[in-house]
Amino acid sequence: MNSRVFKLFLELQNLKSRDEGQDLVEYGLIVLLISLAAVVGMQTLASALGSAFMNIGTGVKNVL
């Protein structure tokens, strides 16, 4: 039992010292930030477009 725990401990230490996955995590964070910015931007754009079309519709209704 002790040898299994020791082997697991050594494997975890080995994984901790390696940095191959670090780039993947960084790219994931960049993608997350870009997607959050896109969602916020789309919500703002949708709101602006909605009010613009509402103004156009009101203007057309007033003319007719």
N, C-alpha and C. Protein backbone atom coordinates (compact mmCIF):
# COMPACT_ATOMS: atom_id res chain seq x y z
N MET A 1 0.83 -1.20 0.00
CA MET A 1 0.00 0.00 0.00
C MET A 1 0.86 1.25 0.00
N ASN A 2 1.92 1.26 0.82
CA ASN A 2 2.79 2.42 0.88
C ASN A 2 3.49 2.68 -0.44
N SER A 3 3.85 1.60 -1.14
CA SER A 3 4.55 1.79 -2.41
C SER A 3 3.62 2.43 -3.44
N ARG A 4 2.34 2.10 -3.42
CA ARG A 4 1.38 2.71 -4.35
C ARG A 4 1.23 4.20 -4.06
N VAL A 5 1.14 4.55 -2.80
CA VAL A 5 1.00 5.95 -2.41
C VAL A 5 2.26 6.71 -2.81
N PHE A 6 3.41 6.09 -2.57
CA PHE A 6 4.68 6.72 -2.93
C PHE A 6 4.78 6.91 -4.45
N LYS A 7 4.38 5.90 -5.21
CA LYS A 7 4.41 6.02 -6.67
C LYS A 7 3.46 7.12 -7.15
N LEU A 8 2.29 7.19 -6.54
CA LEU A 8 1.33 8.24 -6.88
C LEU A 8 1.91 9.61 -6.56
N PHE A 9 2.56 9.72 -5.39
CA PHE A 9 3.19 10.98 -5.01
C PHE A 9 4.27 11.38 -6.00
N LEU A 10 5.11 10.43 -6.40
CA LEU A 10 6.16 10.71 -7.38
C LEU A 10 5.58 11.13 -8.72
N GLU A 11 4.51 10.47 -9.13
CA GLU A 11 3.88 10.81 -10.41
C GLU A 11 3.29 12.22 -10.36
N LEU A 12 2.66 12.58 -9.25
CA LEU A 12 2.12 13.93 -9.10
C LEU A 12 3.22 14.98 -9.10
N GLN A 13 4.33 14.68 -8.46
CA GLN A 13 5.46 15.61 -8.47
C GLN A 13 6.01 15.76 -9.89
N ASN A 14 6.05 14.65 -10.63
CA ASN A 14 6.53 14.70 -12.01
C ASN A 14 5.59 15.55 -12.87
N LEU A 15 4.29 15.37 -12.70
CA LEU A 15 3.32 16.17 -13.46
C LEU A 15 3.42 17.65 -13.10
N LYS A 16 3.67 17.92 -11.83
CA LYS A 16 3.77 19.30 -11.36
C LYS A 16 4.98 20.01 -11.97
N SER A 17 6.06 19.27 -12.17
CA SER A 17 7.29 19.89 -12.69
C SER A 17 7.25 20.07 -14.21
N ARG A 18 6.39 19.34 -14.90
CA ARG A 18 6.30 19.48 -16.35
C ARG A 18 5.43 20.66 -16.71
N ASP A 19 5.69 21.28 -17.85
CA ASP A 19 4.90 22.45 -18.23
C ASP A 19 4.36 22.36 -19.65
N GLU A 20 4.18 21.14 -20.19
CA GLU A 20 3.65 21.00 -21.54
C GLU A 20 2.20 21.49 -21.62
N GLY A 21 1.41 21.28 -20.59
CA GLY A 21 0.01 21.67 -20.61
C GLY A 21 -0.22 23.14 -20.35
N GLN A 22 0.83 23.85 -19.97
CA GLN A 22 0.69 25.27 -19.64
C GLN A 22 0.23 26.07 -20.86
N ASP A 23 0.78 25.79 -22.03
CA ASP A 23 0.39 26.51 -23.24
C ASP A 23 -1.09 26.29 -23.54
N LEU A 24 -1.56 25.08 -23.37
CA LEU A 24 -2.96 24.76 -23.63
C LEU A 24 -3.87 25.55 -22.70
N VAL A 25 -3.49 25.66 -21.44
CA VAL A 25 -4.28 26.43 -20.49
C VAL A 25 -4.30 27.90 -20.88
N GLU A 26 -3.15 28.43 -21.28
CA GLU A 26 -3.09 29.84 -21.70
C GLU A 26 -3.97 30.09 -22.91
N TYR A 27 -3.92 29.20 -23.89
CA TYR A 27 -4.77 29.36 -25.07
C TYR A 27 -6.24 29.26 -24.69
N GLY A 28 -6.56 28.37 -23.77
CA GLY A 28 -7.93 28.26 -23.31
C GLY A 28 -8.41 29.54 -22.64
N LEU A 29 -7.56 30.16 -21.84
CA LEU A 29 -7.93 31.42 -21.20
C LEU A 29 -8.12 32.54 -22.22
N ILE A 30 -7.28 32.56 -23.24
CA ILE A 30 -7.42 33.58 -24.28
C ILE A 30 -8.74 33.39 -25.02
N VAL A 31 -9.07 32.14 -25.36
CA VAL A 31 -10.33 31.86 -26.04
C VAL A 31 -11.51 32.25 -25.16
N LEU A 32 -11.41 31.98 -23.86
CA LEU A 32 -12.46 32.36 -22.93
C LEU A 32 -12.66 33.87 -22.89
N LEU A 33 -11.58 34.62 -22.82
CA LEU A 33 -11.69 36.09 -22.79
C LEU A 33 -12.27 36.63 -24.08
N ILE A 34 -11.85 36.08 -25.21
CA ILE A 34 -12.38 36.53 -26.50
C ILE A 34 -13.87 36.22 -26.60
N SER A 35 -14.27 35.04 -26.15
CA SER A 35 -15.69 34.68 -26.24
C SER A 35 -16.53 35.54 -25.31
N LEU A 36 -16.03 35.85 -24.11
CA LEU A 36 -16.77 36.73 -23.22
C LEU A 36 -16.92 38.13 -23.81
N ALA A 37 -15.86 38.63 -24.42
CA ALA A 37 -15.92 39.94 -25.05
C ALA A 37 -16.91 39.93 -26.21
N ALA A 38 -16.94 38.84 -26.97
CA ALA A 38 -17.87 38.73 -28.08
C ALA A 38 -19.32 38.70 -27.59
N VAL A 39 -19.58 37.98 -26.51
CA VAL A 39 -20.94 37.91 -25.97
C VAL A 39 -21.39 39.28 -25.49
N VAL A 40 -20.53 39.97 -24.75
CA VAL A 40 -20.88 41.31 -24.26
C VAL A 40 -21.07 42.27 -25.43
N GLY A 41 -20.20 42.19 -26.41
CA GLY A 41 -20.32 43.04 -27.59
C GLY A 41 -21.59 42.77 -28.37
N MET A 42 -21.94 41.52 -28.52
CA MET A 42 -23.16 41.17 -29.25
C MET A 42 -24.40 41.65 -28.51
N GLN A 43 -24.40 41.57 -27.19
CA GLN A 43 -25.55 42.05 -26.43
C GLN A 43 -25.71 43.56 -26.59
N THR A 44 -24.60 44.28 -26.56
CA THR A 44 -24.65 45.73 -26.75
C THR A 44 -25.11 46.06 -28.17
N LEU A 45 -24.57 45.35 -29.14
CA LEU A 45 -24.96 45.58 -30.53
C LEU A 45 -26.43 45.26 -30.75
N ALA A 46 -26.90 44.17 -30.18
CA ALA A 46 -28.31 43.80 -30.34
C ALA A 46 -29.22 44.85 -29.73
N SER A 47 -28.85 45.40 -28.60
CA SER A 47 -29.64 46.44 -27.97
C SER A 47 -29.68 47.70 -28.83
N ALA A 48 -28.53 48.09 -29.36
CA ALA A 48 -28.45 49.27 -30.21
C ALA A 48 -29.25 49.09 -31.50
N LEU A 49 -29.14 47.91 -32.10
CA LEU A 49 -29.89 47.63 -33.33
C LEU A 49 -31.40 47.61 -33.06
N GLY A 50 -31.78 47.05 -31.93
CA GLY A 50 -33.21 47.00 -31.58
C GLY A 50 -33.79 48.40 -31.44
N SER A 51 -33.06 49.27 -30.76
CA SER A 51 -33.58 50.63 -30.60
C SER A 51 -33.55 51.39 -31.92
N ALA A 52 -32.56 51.15 -32.77
CA ALA A 52 -32.51 51.80 -34.08
C ALA A 52 -33.71 51.39 -34.94
N PHE A 53 -34.02 50.11 -34.97
CA PHE A 53 -35.16 49.65 -35.76
C PHE A 53 -36.48 50.15 -35.16
N MET A 54 -36.52 50.26 -33.83
CA MET A 54 -37.72 50.80 -33.18
C MET A 54 -37.93 52.26 -33.60
N ASN A 55 -36.84 53.03 -33.65
CA ASN A 55 -36.94 54.42 -34.09
C ASN A 55 -37.36 54.52 -35.55
N ILE A 56 -36.84 53.65 -36.39
CA ILE A 56 -37.21 53.63 -37.80
C ILE A 56 -38.68 53.29 -37.94
N GLY A 57 -39.12 52.29 -37.20
CA GLY A 57 -40.54 51.89 -37.25
C GLY A 57 -41.45 53.00 -36.78
N THR A 58 -41.05 53.71 -35.74
CA THR A 58 -41.86 54.83 -35.24
C THR A 58 -41.90 55.94 -36.27
N GLY A 59 -40.77 56.21 -36.90
CA GLY A 59 -40.72 57.25 -37.92
C GLY A 59 -41.60 56.92 -39.11
N VAL A 60 -41.54 55.68 -39.56
CA VAL A 60 -42.38 55.26 -40.70
C VAL A 60 -43.85 55.33 -40.32
N LYS A 61 -44.19 54.93 -39.11
CA LYS A 61 -45.58 54.96 -38.66
C LYS A 61 -46.09 56.40 -38.58
N ASN A 62 -45.27 57.31 -38.15
CA ASN A 62 -45.67 58.71 -38.07
C ASN A 62 -45.87 59.35 -39.44
N VAL A 63 -45.06 58.92 -40.42
CA VAL A 63 -45.19 59.45 -41.77
C VAL A 63 -46.48 58.97 -42.42
N LEU A 64 -46.82 57.72 -42.18
CA LEU A 64 -48.02 57.16 -42.80
C LEU A 64 -49.22 57.63 -42.05
